[in-house]
Amino acid sequence: MEKILCPSLLNLSDDCLKDEIIRLDQSGADFLHIDVMDGSYVPNFGMSFKEIETVRKYTTLKLDLHMMMQNPGRYVKRYADFGVDIIYVHPDSETVVTETLCEIRELGKQILFGQAEEYKTIIQKVRKIE
């Protein structure tokens, strides 16, 4: 099985973000992982749009974005415009997650799912758009 190195950027200091991204870009990593949170779906907050813009500016690596928020569809296009390549959404984060999945696909981005307790129910909904 192929191994992929995908370091998380969650704990990088904003003070040295540029330098750390350049170092990671040259480290042999395959992707860079970005967490965004809304303080509601999960209690913390993640990287800002400005920080993601800085990350994209200083790396050519693929960026994968883990959206831990309610109604992530509100921001999918904006994150895509900032240059993320892979978007993770939690199936239980929206009432109709298939609309968000369709939008991600239309933007040409790869879709991945987070885990959810009602996974079997969500899989049935997702199969409708495949």
Protein backbone atom coordinates (compact mmCIF):
# COMPACT_ATOMS: atom_id res chain seq x y z
CA MET A 1 0.00 0.00 0.00
CA GLU A 2 1.27 3.46 -0.93
CA LYS A 3 1.85 5.82 1.99
CA ILE A 4 1.02 9.49 1.72
CA LEU A 5 2.52 12.16 3.95
CA CYS A 6 -0.05 14.85 4.74
CA PRO A 7 1.00 17.08 7.66
CA SER A 8 -1.68 19.12 9.41
CA LEU A 9 -1.29 22.88 9.52
CA LEU A 10 -3.64 23.33 12.48
CA ASN A 11 -1.00 24.26 15.05
CA LEU A 12 1.26 26.41 12.92
CA SER A 13 1.91 29.84 14.34
CA ASP A 14 0.59 32.73 12.26
CA ASP A 15 3.86 34.55 13.05
CA CYS A 16 5.95 32.12 11.01
CA LEU A 17 3.33 30.65 8.66
CA LYS A 18 5.18 31.58 5.47
CA ASP A 19 8.47 30.02 6.61
CA GLU A 20 6.79 26.85 7.85
CA ILE A 21 4.86 26.41 4.59
CA ILE A 22 8.04 26.82 2.55
CA ARG A 23 9.79 24.26 4.78
CA LEU A 24 6.89 21.79 4.44
CA ASP A 25 6.78 22.37 0.67
CA GLN A 26 10.40 21.19 0.48
CA SER A 27 10.00 18.35 3.02
CA GLY A 28 8.70 15.62 0.74
CA ALA A 29 5.10 15.92 1.93
CA ASP A 30 2.46 14.89 -0.60
CA PHE A 31 -0.36 17.14 0.62
CA LEU A 32 -0.95 19.76 3.30
CA HIS A 33 -3.98 19.30 5.55
CA ILE A 34 -6.07 22.30 6.59
CA ASP A 35 -8.77 22.21 9.27
CA VAL A 36 -11.53 24.80 9.32
CA MET A 37 -14.05 24.91 12.14
CA ASP A 38 -16.97 27.16 12.95
CA GLY A 39 -17.07 26.93 16.74
CA SER A 40 -20.53 25.35 16.47
CA TYR A 41 -20.18 21.97 14.75
CA VAL A 42 -17.01 21.53 16.80
CA PRO A 43 -15.99 23.84 19.66
CA ASN A 44 -12.76 25.18 18.14
CA PHE A 45 -11.83 27.39 15.22
CA GLY A 46 -9.30 26.54 12.49
CA MET A 47 -7.46 28.42 9.80
CA SER A 48 -8.85 31.64 8.38
CA PHE A 49 -9.34 32.51 4.71
CA LYS A 50 -6.32 34.82 4.95
CA GLU A 51 -4.14 32.04 6.33
CA ILE A 52 -5.28 29.64 3.60
CA GLU A 53 -4.46 32.28 1.00
CA THR A 54 -0.95 32.52 2.49
CA VAL A 55 -0.55 28.73 2.42
CA ARG A 56 -1.52 28.57 -1.28
CA LYS A 57 0.84 31.41 -2.11
CA TYR A 58 3.87 29.54 -0.75
CA THR A 59 3.25 25.95 -1.85
CA THR A 60 2.45 23.98 -4.96
CA LEU A 61 1.48 20.91 -2.91
CA LYS A 62 -2.12 19.75 -2.98
CA LEU A 63 -4.20 21.20 -0.17
CA ASP A 64 -6.86 19.12 1.49
CA LEU A 65 -9.48 20.94 3.50
CA HIS A 66 -11.42 19.37 6.35
CA MET A 67 -14.61 21.37 6.90
CA MET A 68 -15.82 20.78 10.45
CA MET A 69 -18.74 23.17 10.32
CA GLN A 70 -22.49 23.42 9.98
CA ASN A 71 -23.64 24.06 6.41
CA PRO A 72 -20.23 23.90 4.74
CA GLY A 73 -21.87 24.49 1.37
CA ARG A 74 -21.92 28.20 2.22
CA TYR A 75 -18.14 28.32 1.83
CA VAL A 76 -17.21 25.59 -0.66
CA LYS A 77 -16.77 27.93 -3.63
CA ARG A 78 -14.74 30.41 -1.62
CA TYR A 79 -12.35 27.70 -0.41
CA ALA A 80 -12.11 26.34 -3.96
CA ASP A 81 -11.26 29.85 -5.17
CA PHE A 82 -8.44 29.94 -2.59
CA GLY A 83 -6.94 26.88 -4.28
CA VAL A 84 -7.81 23.87 -2.14
CA ASP A 85 -7.76 20.62 -4.08
CA ILE A 86 -9.61 18.15 -1.86
CA ILE A 87 -12.61 18.98 0.32
CA TYR A 88 -13.77 16.86 3.24
CA VAL A 89 -17.28 17.40 4.56
CA HIS A 90 -19.14 15.57 7.28
CA PRO A 91 -22.31 13.96 5.92
CA ASP A 92 -24.32 15.11 8.94
CA SER A 93 -23.20 18.74 8.65
CA GLU A 94 -26.07 19.73 6.34
CA THR A 95 -29.71 18.85 5.92
CA VAL A 96 -29.15 18.04 2.23
CA VAL A 97 -25.46 17.21 1.93
CA THR A 98 -25.84 16.01 -1.67
CA GLU A 99 -26.22 19.61 -2.88
CA THR A 100 -22.85 20.48 -1.37
CA LEU A 101 -21.28 17.34 -2.84
CA CYS A 102 -22.58 18.27 -6.29
CA GLU A 103 -21.16 21.77 -5.94
CA ILE A 104 -17.75 20.39 -4.92
CA ARG A 105 -17.79 18.07 -7.92
CA GLU A 106 -18.85 20.91 -10.28
CA LEU A 107 -15.90 22.96 -9.01
CA GLY A 108 -13.60 20.11 -10.07
CA LYS A 109 -12.52 19.25 -6.55
CA GLN A 110 -12.12 15.82 -5.02
CA ILE A 111 -14.71 14.92 -2.36
CA LEU A 112 -13.96 13.05 0.85
CA PHE A 113 -16.18 12.36 3.85
CA GLY A 114 -15.65 12.66 7.57
CA GLN A 115 -17.18 10.09 9.84
CA ALA A 116 -20.74 10.34 11.09
CA GLU A 117 -22.89 8.22 13.36
CA GLU A 118 -25.64 7.85 10.75
CA TYR A 119 -23.20 6.76 8.06
CA LYS A 120 -25.45 4.11 6.45
CA THR A 121 -28.22 6.65 5.94
CA ILE A 122 -25.81 9.17 4.41
CA ILE A 123 -24.33 6.58 2.03
CA GLN A 124 -27.82 5.95 0.64
CA LYS A 125 -28.18 9.69 -0.09
CA VAL A 126 -24.71 9.91 -1.66
CA ARG A 127 -25.34 6.99 -4.00
CA LYS A 128 -28.09 9.06 -5.61
CA ILE A 129 -25.54 11.50 -7.05
CA GLU A 130 -22.95 8.95 -8.21
